[in-house]
Amino acid sequence: MLRLSAAPLSSRLGGWALVESPTQHTESAGQQWSFVIVVAATLVAIAAVIFDVQLSSQVSLPVVVPAPTETSGTQRAVTQVAPPPTTTAPAEASRTTAPTAAAESTSTTSGVESTVRPSSSGAAAAEPVASGSTSTTTGTPAEATAGADAGSSIDTSAATVEAAALDDPAARIRQYLGLHAGAQLPVSFSYAIEPGDTASSIAKRFGLEEATVLFNNFDVYDPNLLNVGQTLTLPAVDGLVYTVQPGDSLDFLVENLQASLEATLAYPANGISSPDQILAGQQLLLVHGSASVASGSAVTTGVGSSQGAAVWSVPDFLWPLGYDKISDFFGTPRANAVGYHTGVDFVAPIGTIVGSTAAGQVTVATWDPSYGNWIEIDHGGGYRSRYAHLDAIWVREGEWVQANAFIGTVGNTGNSSGAHLHFEIIIDGQAVNPLTWLN
């Protein structure tokens, strides 16, 4: 049998024997370590709270410093935030003065209230709260100023481009007609005279020569005295607006009206690419054409030159038009001041071109109740010629013309019963039979 030994005397107390088992010893040690862990966790929590309190106490309130007033009148507020505590790493602390991706700022011209929010990188993000419009800026004030200057530069450039576009005569014509940019310009357009307009100012407005305005509007007798509301016919470029007549050829028109054949064919609104494509009744813009072959220059053959003494000779009178059908001859009795017909009436369709019978200076280009639209040319030496009942007048008073220059078209104006040209030759104030002088 197994016999238990007696307990040692040192382990006896009051008759009881105290014996420590191995299990009791292990449980006592575990309780001690649990207590230590709880105390340590409590200390760590307290330390964290203290750290947070210290961190919050060391972040100063933002100081708003108004920037200097700029020329544009706007004001900016620069928010300065104190750096975080020195407990962060030196590299992180050095970045607190620079803007970060999380930093947001808004500015207005009035006072600014700022709130501070720490960013994830440790740098503070300032969010000023203001009323009215705000702008988000990421970068330094210098960069923001450069951006504003760039925007102003863009606006100025756009205004410069628009001004340059309106300085283009074609652009001004399109604007007046309400056409979009790049639209094809017409052969001609109508312009209503406005207060203060003159032939010169209208020409300058649309990039034309004053002569172009006058050549295309022979009912304007004084270029500086225009009737408000009167409608003028203006070409889109310098030239003569012409309605093609039966028998006309483009080569003939270009040669006699000093127009540019290439430019006339190339002008889009004419719609022609060959001289053979013109039709009677078609309206053309004879580019660079003039209603007078010797427009603005003195004639040196047959009459006196403006640069020397007057030398007169008997004019070699040419037929004023290509029709020789006569409806009324010189000397026919008439109920007028002299009692007879003072010229010859050539029958021709309305619009037939009339040429100057000889070189000379235009002394009359106007309208009369009897003659209708009529022209008188002084050939010098007392010789003059008259052309009455015209439909259109293509010359102006004071203008010099060469022999056979186009001066107008046959019409039925004034005291007339049908389309015809009344033609006179006057020598020293006395009307003579034109047929005896025509070559």
Protein backbone atom coordinates (compact mmCIF):
# COMPACT_ATOMS: atom_id res chain seq x y z
CA MET A 1 0.00 0.00 0.00
CA LEU A 2 0.96 3.54 -0.58
CA ARG A 3 1.61 5.52 2.53
CA LEU A 4 1.37 9.30 2.73
CA SER A 5 4.21 11.05 4.42
CA ALA A 6 3.56 13.55 7.11
CA ALA A 7 3.64 17.24 6.37
CA PRO A 8 6.69 19.12 7.50
CA LEU A 9 6.42 20.99 10.71
CA SER A 10 7.11 24.30 9.06
CA SER A 11 3.95 23.90 7.02
CA ARG A 12 1.66 23.36 9.94
CA LEU A 13 -0.35 26.18 11.41
CA GLY A 14 -3.05 25.83 13.99
CA GLY A 15 -3.26 22.19 13.38
CA TRP A 16 -3.73 22.63 9.70
CA ALA A 17 -1.17 21.88 7.13
CA LEU A 18 -0.73 24.50 4.37
CA VAL A 19 0.53 22.98 1.20
CA GLU A 20 0.89 25.17 -2.04
CA SER A 21 -0.06 23.28 -5.15
CA PRO A 22 1.52 24.13 -8.61
CA THR A 23 -1.91 25.17 -10.02
CA GLN A 24 -2.44 27.81 -7.33
CA HIS A 25 0.94 29.30 -8.04
CA THR A 26 0.24 29.69 -11.81
CA GLU A 27 -3.14 31.46 -11.30
CA SER A 28 -1.58 33.99 -8.94
CA ALA A 29 1.06 34.94 -11.49
CA GLY A 30 -1.57 35.44 -14.25
CA GLN A 31 -3.60 37.80 -12.09
CA GLN A 32 -0.53 39.90 -11.46
CA TRP A 33 0.22 40.31 -15.23
CA SER A 34 -3.39 41.24 -16.04
CA PHE A 35 -3.27 44.02 -13.53
CA VAL A 36 -0.03 45.32 -15.03
CA ILE A 37 -1.52 45.32 -18.55
CA VAL A 38 -4.63 47.21 -17.44
CA VAL A 39 -2.53 49.83 -15.70
CA ALA A 40 -0.28 50.24 -18.72
CA ALA A 41 -3.25 50.65 -21.10
CA THR A 42 -4.74 53.25 -18.79
CA LEU A 43 -1.49 55.20 -18.76
CA VAL A 44 -1.25 55.11 -22.54
CA ALA A 45 -4.80 56.44 -22.90
CA ILE A 46 -4.08 59.24 -20.44
CA ALA A 47 -0.90 60.11 -22.34
CA ALA A 48 -2.82 60.23 -25.64
CA VAL A 49 -5.41 62.59 -24.16
CA ILE A 50 -2.69 64.83 -22.79
CA PHE A 51 -0.96 64.82 -26.23
CA ASP A 52 -4.18 65.83 -27.98
CA VAL A 53 -4.80 68.62 -25.49
CA GLN A 54 -1.27 69.93 -25.97
CA LEU A 55 -1.60 69.72 -29.77
CA SER A 56 -4.87 71.66 -29.72
CA SER A 57 -3.50 74.29 -27.37
CA GLN A 58 -0.45 74.91 -29.56
CA VAL A 59 -2.42 75.55 -32.83
CA SER A 60 -2.92 79.33 -32.91
CA LEU A 61 -5.89 81.07 -34.45
CA PRO A 62 -5.38 82.30 -38.05
CA VAL A 63 -4.26 85.85 -38.56
CA VAL A 64 -5.80 87.65 -41.57
CA VAL A 65 -3.37 90.04 -43.23
CA PRO A 66 -4.89 92.11 -46.09
CA ALA A 67 -2.74 92.16 -49.20
CA PRO A 68 -1.81 95.48 -50.87
CA THR A 69 -4.53 96.96 -53.04
CA GLU A 70 -4.07 95.92 -56.71
CA THR A 71 -4.69 98.10 -59.78
CA SER A 72 -7.76 96.01 -60.69
CA GLY A 73 -9.49 97.06 -57.46
CA THR A 74 -9.81 93.55 -56.04
CA GLN A 75 -8.45 92.61 -52.61
CA ARG A 76 -7.02 89.34 -51.43
CA ALA A 77 -6.67 87.94 -47.90
CA VAL A 78 -3.65 85.84 -47.08
CA THR A 79 -4.20 83.39 -44.25
CA GLN A 80 -1.18 82.57 -42.12
CA VAL A 81 -1.43 79.43 -39.98
CA ALA A 82 1.00 78.64 -37.18
CA PRO A 83 2.97 75.45 -37.73
CA PRO A 84 1.99 72.29 -35.84
CA PRO A 85 3.93 71.21 -32.78
CA THR A 86 7.52 70.17 -33.10
CA THR A 87 6.61 66.59 -32.25
CA THR A 88 6.22 65.87 -35.98
CA ALA A 89 9.15 64.94 -38.13
CA PRO A 90 11.39 67.82 -39.28
CA ALA A 91 10.59 67.19 -42.95
CA GLU A 92 6.87 67.33 -42.22
CA ALA A 93 7.25 70.49 -40.17
CA SER A 94 9.10 72.19 -43.01
CA ARG A 95 6.16 71.57 -45.31
CA THR A 96 3.65 73.37 -43.12
CA THR A 97 4.43 76.73 -44.70
CA ALA A 98 3.77 75.53 -48.26
CA PRO A 99 0.30 74.94 -49.79
CA THR A 100 -0.79 71.31 -50.10
CA ALA A 101 -3.22 69.50 -52.34
CA ALA A 102 -5.74 69.52 -49.48
CA ALA A 103 -5.40 73.25 -48.83
CA GLU A 104 -8.40 75.24 -49.95
CA SER A 105 -8.83 79.01 -49.77
CA THR A 106 -11.56 81.37 -50.87
CA SER A 107 -11.29 85.14 -50.98
CA THR A 108 -13.60 88.11 -51.34
CA THR A 109 -13.19 91.85 -51.35
CA SER A 110 -14.90 92.17 -47.94
CA GLY A 111 -13.77 90.98 -44.51
CA VAL A 112 -12.97 87.29 -44.18
CA GLU A 113 -13.59 84.82 -41.37
CA SER A 114 -11.31 81.78 -41.42
CA THR A 115 -11.62 78.33 -39.95
CA VAL A 116 -8.71 75.92 -39.69
CA ARG A 117 -8.85 72.24 -40.54
CA PRO A 118 -5.73 70.10 -40.23
CA SER A 119 -4.92 68.24 -43.43
CA SER A 120 -3.94 64.59 -43.55
CA SER A 121 -0.34 65.58 -44.16
CA GLY A 122 -0.17 67.73 -41.07
CA ALA A 123 -0.42 71.05 -42.91
CA ALA A 124 -3.33 73.28 -42.03
CA ALA A 125 -5.97 74.06 -44.65
CA ALA A 126 -7.56 77.49 -44.40
CA GLU A 127 -11.21 77.81 -45.46
CA PRO A 128 -12.31 81.45 -45.27
CA VAL A 129 -16.07 81.84 -45.12
CA ALA A 130 -17.44 84.88 -46.94
CA SER A 131 -20.60 86.08 -48.60
CA GLY A 132 -20.88 86.89 -52.28
CA SER A 133 -18.86 85.32 -55.04
CA THR A 134 -15.81 83.25 -54.09
CA SER A 135 -12.84 81.92 -55.99
CA THR A 136 -10.75 78.83 -55.24
CA THR A 137 -7.02 79.37 -55.37
CA THR A 138 -4.33 76.74 -55.15
CA GLY A 139 -0.95 78.38 -55.13
CA THR A 140 0.75 81.51 -54.00
CA PRO A 141 -0.72 85.02 -54.28
CA ALA A 142 1.82 85.75 -57.04
CA GLU A 143 0.46 82.83 -59.05
CA ALA A 144 -3.10 84.05 -58.54
CA THR A 145 -2.11 87.53 -59.71
CA ALA A 146 -0.43 86.06 -62.77
CA GLY A 147 -3.61 84.13 -63.54
CA ALA A 148 -5.73 87.27 -63.30
CA ASP A 149 -3.30 89.11 -65.56
CA ALA A 150 -3.48 86.24 -68.06
CA GLY A 151 -7.29 86.41 -68.07
CA SER A 152 -7.16 90.15 -68.64
CA SER A 153 -4.70 89.59 -71.48
CA ILE A 154 -7.08 87.07 -73.09
CA ASP A 155 -9.98 89.54 -72.86
CA THR A 156 -7.83 92.28 -74.39
CA SER A 157 -6.73 89.99 -77.19
CA ALA A 158 -10.32 89.04 -77.97
CA ALA A 159 -11.31 92.72 -78.10
CA THR A 160 -8.35 93.43 -80.40
CA VAL A 161 -9.38 90.63 -82.75
CA GLU A 162 -12.96 91.91 -82.84
CA ALA A 163 -11.79 95.47 -83.54
CA ALA A 164 -9.51 94.21 -86.31
CA ALA A 165 -12.40 92.29 -87.83
CA LEU A 166 -14.63 95.37 -87.83
CA ASP A 167 -11.79 97.36 -89.41
CA ASP A 168 -12.16 95.14 -92.48
CA PRO A 169 -14.51 96.84 -95.01
CA ALA A 170 -15.98 93.48 -96.02
CA ALA A 171 -16.76 92.75 -92.35
CA ARG A 172 -18.50 96.13 -91.99
CA ILE A 173 -20.62 95.44 -95.09
CA ARG A 174 -21.60 92.02 -93.73
CA GLN A 175 -22.43 93.58 -90.37
CA TYR A 176 -24.59 96.25 -92.05
CA LEU A 177 -26.42 93.62 -94.11
CA GLY A 178 -26.73 91.22 -91.16
CA LEU A 179 -24.66 88.51 -92.87
CA HIS A 180 -22.58 85.97 -91.01
CA ALA A 181 -18.79 86.11 -91.16
CA GLY A 182 -17.51 84.65 -94.39
CA ALA A 183 -20.80 85.10 -96.27
CA GLN A 184 -20.48 85.96 -99.97
CA LEU A 185 -20.70 89.67 -100.68
CA PRO A 186 -23.35 90.79 -103.20
CA VAL A 187 -22.83 92.67 -106.46
CA SER A 188 -24.39 95.70 -104.80
CA PHE A 189 -26.46 96.63 -101.77
CA SER A 190 -28.79 99.44 -100.78
CA TYR A 191 -27.79 101.98 -98.17
CA ALA A 192 -30.21 104.41 -96.53
CA ILE A 193 -28.61 107.81 -95.94
CA GLU A 194 -28.36 108.70 -92.25
CA PRO A 195 -28.09 112.14 -90.62
CA GLY A 196 -24.60 113.58 -91.07
CA ASP A 197 -23.73 111.33 -94.02
CA THR A 198 -21.72 112.62 -96.96
CA ALA A 199 -20.52 110.77 -100.03
CA SER A 200 -17.03 110.80 -98.55
CA SER A 201 -18.05 109.44 -95.13
CA ILE A 202 -20.15 106.68 -96.69
CA ALA A 203 -17.25 105.68 -98.94
CA LYS A 204 -14.87 105.61 -95.97
CA ARG A 205 -17.30 103.54 -93.90
CA PHE A 206 -17.42 100.76 -96.48
CA GLY A 207 -13.86 101.00 -97.78
CA LEU A 208 -14.79 102.59 -101.13
CA GLU A 209 -13.60 105.57 -103.14
CA GLU A 210 -15.88 108.61 -103.10
CA ALA A 211 -16.02 108.43 -106.91
CA THR A 212 -17.41 104.90 -106.62
CA VAL A 213 -20.33 106.17 -104.53
CA LEU A 214 -21.00 108.99 -106.98
CA PHE A 215 -20.61 106.95 -110.18
CA ASN A 216 -23.22 104.47 -108.97
CA ASN A 217 -25.66 107.16 -107.79
CA PHE A 218 -25.99 109.92 -110.38
CA ASP A 219 -29.10 111.29 -108.73
CA VAL A 220 -26.79 112.68 -106.03
CA TYR A 221 -25.95 116.17 -107.21
CA ASP A 222 -24.13 117.46 -104.13
CA PRO A 223 -21.86 114.94 -102.38
CA ASN A 224 -22.00 116.98 -99.19
CA LEU A 225 -25.76 117.57 -99.17
CA LEU A 226 -27.56 114.23 -99.07
CA ASN A 227 -31.21 113.62 -98.31
CA VAL A 228 -31.73 111.60 -95.12
CA GLY A 229 -33.57 108.40 -95.96
CA GLN A 230 -32.55 108.46 -99.62
CA THR A 231 -31.39 105.04 -100.81
CA LEU A 232 -28.02 104.66 -102.51
CA THR A 233 -26.74 101.73 -104.54
CA LEU A 234 -23.27 100.73 -103.41
CA PRO A 235 -20.97 98.02 -104.77
CA ALA A 236 -19.19 95.75 -102.31
CA VAL A 237 -15.81 96.77 -103.78
CA ASP A 238 -14.71 99.66 -105.95
CA GLY A 239 -16.26 99.36 -109.39
CA LEU A 240 -19.31 100.09 -111.48
CA VAL A 241 -22.62 98.27 -111.07
CA TYR A 242 -23.88 97.67 -114.61
CA THR A 243 -26.95 95.99 -116.10
CA VAL A 244 -26.06 94.10 -119.26
CA GLN A 245 -27.84 95.36 -122.38
CA PRO A 246 -28.64 93.36 -125.54
CA GLY A 247 -25.56 93.20 -127.75
CA ASP A 248 -23.11 93.93 -124.92
CA SER A 249 -19.93 91.91 -124.59
CA LEU A 250 -17.86 91.74 -121.42
CA ASP A 251 -14.66 92.50 -123.29
CA PHE A 252 -16.19 95.67 -124.70
CA LEU A 253 -17.53 96.78 -121.30
CA VAL A 254 -14.25 96.11 -119.52
CA GLU A 255 -12.24 97.97 -122.15
CA ASN A 256 -14.46 101.02 -122.30
CA LEU A 257 -15.11 101.28 -118.55
CA GLN A 258 -11.49 100.59 -117.59
CA ALA A 259 -12.48 97.61 -115.45
CA SER A 260 -10.33 94.63 -114.59
CA LEU A 261 -11.37 91.58 -116.58
CA GLU A 262 -9.64 89.14 -114.21
CA ALA A 263 -11.14 90.71 -111.08
CA THR A 264 -14.60 90.92 -112.68
CA LEU A 265 -14.53 87.23 -113.64
CA ALA A 266 -13.18 86.27 -110.21
CA TYR A 267 -15.78 88.23 -108.24
CA PRO A 268 -18.03 85.44 -106.81
CA ALA A 269 -21.35 87.29 -106.93
CA ASN A 270 -21.01 87.88 -110.68
CA GLY A 271 -21.34 84.14 -111.18
CA ILE A 272 -19.31 84.06 -114.39
CA SER A 273 -16.03 82.40 -115.29
CA SER A 274 -15.92 83.31 -118.98
CA PRO A 275 -16.67 86.55 -120.90
CA ASP A 276 -19.20 84.61 -122.98
CA GLN A 277 -21.46 83.88 -120.00
CA ILE A 278 -23.10 87.30 -119.56
CA LEU A 279 -26.80 87.70 -120.37
CA ALA A 280 -28.97 90.72 -121.15
CA GLY A 281 -30.52 92.03 -117.95
CA GLN A 282 -27.82 90.52 -115.75
CA GLN A 283 -26.35 92.84 -113.13
CA LEU A 284 -22.56 92.79 -112.97
CA LEU A 285 -19.98 94.45 -110.82
CA LEU A 286 -17.28 95.69 -113.18
CA VAL A 287 -14.48 95.67 -110.63
CA HIS A 288 -12.33 98.84 -110.68
CA GLY A 289 -14.53 100.19 -113.47
CA SER A 290 -15.21 103.89 -113.88
CA ALA A 291 -18.12 105.69 -115.46
CA SER A 292 -15.64 107.98 -117.15
CA VAL A 293 -12.58 106.84 -119.05
CA ALA A 294 -10.76 110.06 -118.11
CA SER A 295 -12.16 110.34 -114.61
CA GLY A 296 -10.39 113.03 -112.65
CA SER A 297 -7.82 113.87 -115.32
CA ALA A 298 -7.58 116.66 -117.81
CA VAL A 299 -7.96 115.89 -121.50
CA THR A 300 -4.96 117.01 -123.49
CA THR A 301 -6.27 116.29 -126.98
CA GLY A 302 -8.75 118.61 -128.61
CA VAL A 303 -9.09 120.90 -125.61
CA GLY A 304 -6.81 122.90 -123.40
CA SER A 305 -4.54 121.13 -120.95
CA SER A 306 -4.79 122.10 -117.29
CA GLN A 307 -0.98 122.31 -117.22
CA GLY A 308 -0.49 124.83 -120.01
CA ALA A 309 -2.12 127.44 -122.16
CA ALA A 310 -5.45 126.55 -123.71
CA VAL A 311 -5.13 125.30 -127.25
CA TRP A 312 -8.49 124.83 -128.94
CA SER A 313 -9.33 123.01 -132.11
CA VAL A 314 -12.54 122.10 -133.91
CA PRO A 315 -13.78 118.87 -132.36
CA ASP A 316 -14.16 115.77 -134.45
CA PHE A 317 -17.71 114.92 -133.34
CA LEU A 318 -18.57 111.21 -133.11
CA TRP A 319 -21.97 109.57 -133.11
CA PRO A 320 -23.15 109.43 -129.47
CA LEU A 321 -24.63 105.91 -129.79
CA GLY A 322 -24.76 102.99 -132.17
CA TYR A 323 -28.33 103.64 -133.37
CA ASP A 324 -29.06 105.88 -136.36
CA LYS A 325 -32.85 105.70 -136.37
CA ILE A 326 -34.15 109.26 -136.01
CA SER A 327 -37.66 110.09 -134.83
CA ASP A 328 -37.34 113.88 -135.05
CA PHE A 329 -34.85 116.05 -136.95
CA PHE A 330 -33.30 119.40 -136.23
CA GLY A 331 -35.46 122.46 -137.09
CA THR A 332 -38.87 120.84 -136.71
CA PRO A 333 -41.36 123.51 -135.54
CA ARG A 334 -41.90 123.36 -131.82
CA ALA A 335 -43.80 125.37 -129.25
CA ASN A 336 -40.67 126.27 -127.32
CA ALA A 337 -38.68 129.43 -126.70
CA VAL A 338 -36.93 129.36 -130.09
CA GLY A 339 -39.87 127.87 -132.01
CA TYR A 340 -38.13 124.81 -133.42
CA HIS A 341 -36.49 121.54 -132.45
CA THR A 342 -32.92 122.33 -131.39
CA GLY A 343 -31.49 118.82 -131.78
CA VAL A 344 -31.90 115.34 -133.20
CA ASP A 345 -33.86 112.52 -131.52
CA PHE A 346 -32.26 109.08 -131.85
CA VAL A 347 -34.59 106.16 -131.09
CA ALA A 348 -32.97 103.48 -128.91
CA PRO A 349 -34.04 101.13 -126.11
CA ILE A 350 -33.84 102.30 -122.52
CA GLY A 351 -30.43 101.49 -121.10
CA THR A 352 -28.51 101.85 -124.35
CA ILE A 353 -25.07 103.31 -123.62
CA VAL A 354 -24.50 106.93 -124.66
CA GLY A 355 -20.95 108.09 -125.44
CA SER A 356 -19.39 111.52 -125.41
CA THR A 357 -19.33 112.93 -128.94
CA ALA A 358 -15.91 114.54 -128.28
CA ALA A 359 -13.43 115.11 -125.49
CA GLY A 360 -14.26 117.84 -123.01
CA GLN A 361 -15.35 118.84 -119.52
CA VAL A 362 -18.78 118.08 -118.08
CA THR A 363 -20.48 121.36 -117.21
CA VAL A 364 -24.00 120.05 -116.50
CA ALA A 365 -25.11 116.70 -115.09
CA THR A 366 -28.53 117.12 -113.52
CA TRP A 367 -32.29 116.76 -113.90
CA ASP A 368 -34.67 119.22 -115.58
CA PRO A 369 -38.48 119.09 -115.99
CA SER A 370 -38.12 119.37 -119.76
CA TYR A 371 -34.84 117.58 -120.49
CA GLY A 372 -35.19 115.07 -117.66
CA ASN A 373 -31.73 113.70 -116.84
CA TRP A 374 -29.34 115.56 -119.08
CA ILE A 375 -25.64 116.28 -119.62
CA GLU A 376 -23.76 119.13 -121.24
CA ILE A 377 -20.08 118.86 -122.21
CA ASP A 378 -17.87 121.83 -123.04
CA HIS A 379 -15.39 120.89 -125.77
CA GLY A 380 -13.63 124.23 -125.74
CA GLY A 381 -13.48 126.97 -128.34
CA GLY A 382 -17.25 127.64 -127.97
CA TYR A 383 -18.27 124.05 -128.86
CA ARG A 384 -20.70 122.22 -126.60
CA SER A 385 -22.90 119.12 -126.82
CA ARG A 386 -26.07 118.12 -124.94
CA TYR A 387 -27.64 114.75 -124.16
CA ALA A 388 -31.20 114.73 -122.77
CA HIS A 389 -33.94 112.35 -121.48
CA LEU A 390 -31.28 109.98 -120.10
CA ASP A 391 -32.14 107.10 -117.86
CA ALA A 392 -28.82 107.17 -115.99
CA ILE A 393 -26.04 109.73 -115.72
CA TRP A 394 -22.53 108.32 -115.35
CA VAL A 395 -20.47 111.49 -115.07
CA ARG A 396 -20.32 114.46 -112.73
CA GLU A 397 -20.00 118.19 -113.21
CA GLY A 398 -16.38 119.31 -113.52
CA GLU A 399 -15.20 115.93 -114.78
CA TRP A 400 -13.05 115.60 -117.89
CA VAL A 401 -13.99 112.92 -120.42
CA GLN A 402 -12.46 111.60 -123.60
CA ALA A 403 -14.22 111.15 -126.93
CA ASN A 404 -16.62 108.20 -126.89
CA ALA A 405 -16.44 107.86 -123.09
CA PHE A 406 -19.55 106.29 -121.60
CA ILE A 407 -21.50 109.09 -119.96
CA GLY A 408 -24.98 107.61 -119.44
CA THR A 409 -27.81 105.54 -120.89
CA VAL A 410 -30.85 106.22 -123.05
CA GLY A 411 -34.04 106.86 -121.12
CA ASN A 412 -37.51 108.39 -121.16
CA THR A 413 -37.26 111.08 -118.50
CA GLY A 414 -38.57 114.65 -118.50
CA ASN A 415 -40.87 115.85 -121.27
CA SER A 416 -40.59 112.71 -123.39
CA SER A 417 -43.11 110.40 -125.05
CA GLY A 418 -40.82 107.41 -125.56
CA ALA A 419 -37.31 106.08 -125.11
CA HIS A 420 -34.87 108.16 -127.15
CA LEU A 421 -31.79 110.38 -126.96
CA HIS A 422 -32.17 114.09 -127.63
CA PHE A 423 -28.77 115.23 -128.93
CA GLU A 424 -27.62 118.81 -129.55
CA ILE A 425 -24.47 120.56 -130.74
CA ILE A 426 -24.09 124.21 -129.78
CA ILE A 427 -21.50 126.56 -131.26
CA ASP A 428 -20.97 129.94 -129.60
CA GLY A 429 -24.33 129.67 -127.88
CA GLN A 430 -26.26 128.79 -131.04
CA ALA A 431 -27.80 125.36 -131.66
CA VAL A 432 -26.76 123.87 -135.03
CA ASN A 433 -27.85 120.80 -136.96
CA PRO A 434 -25.87 117.92 -135.37
CA LEU A 435 -26.05 115.80 -138.53
CA THR A 436 -23.84 118.28 -140.38
CA TRP A 437 -21.14 117.94 -137.70
CA LEU A 438 -21.20 114.28 -136.86
CA ASN A 439 -18.37 112.24 -138.35
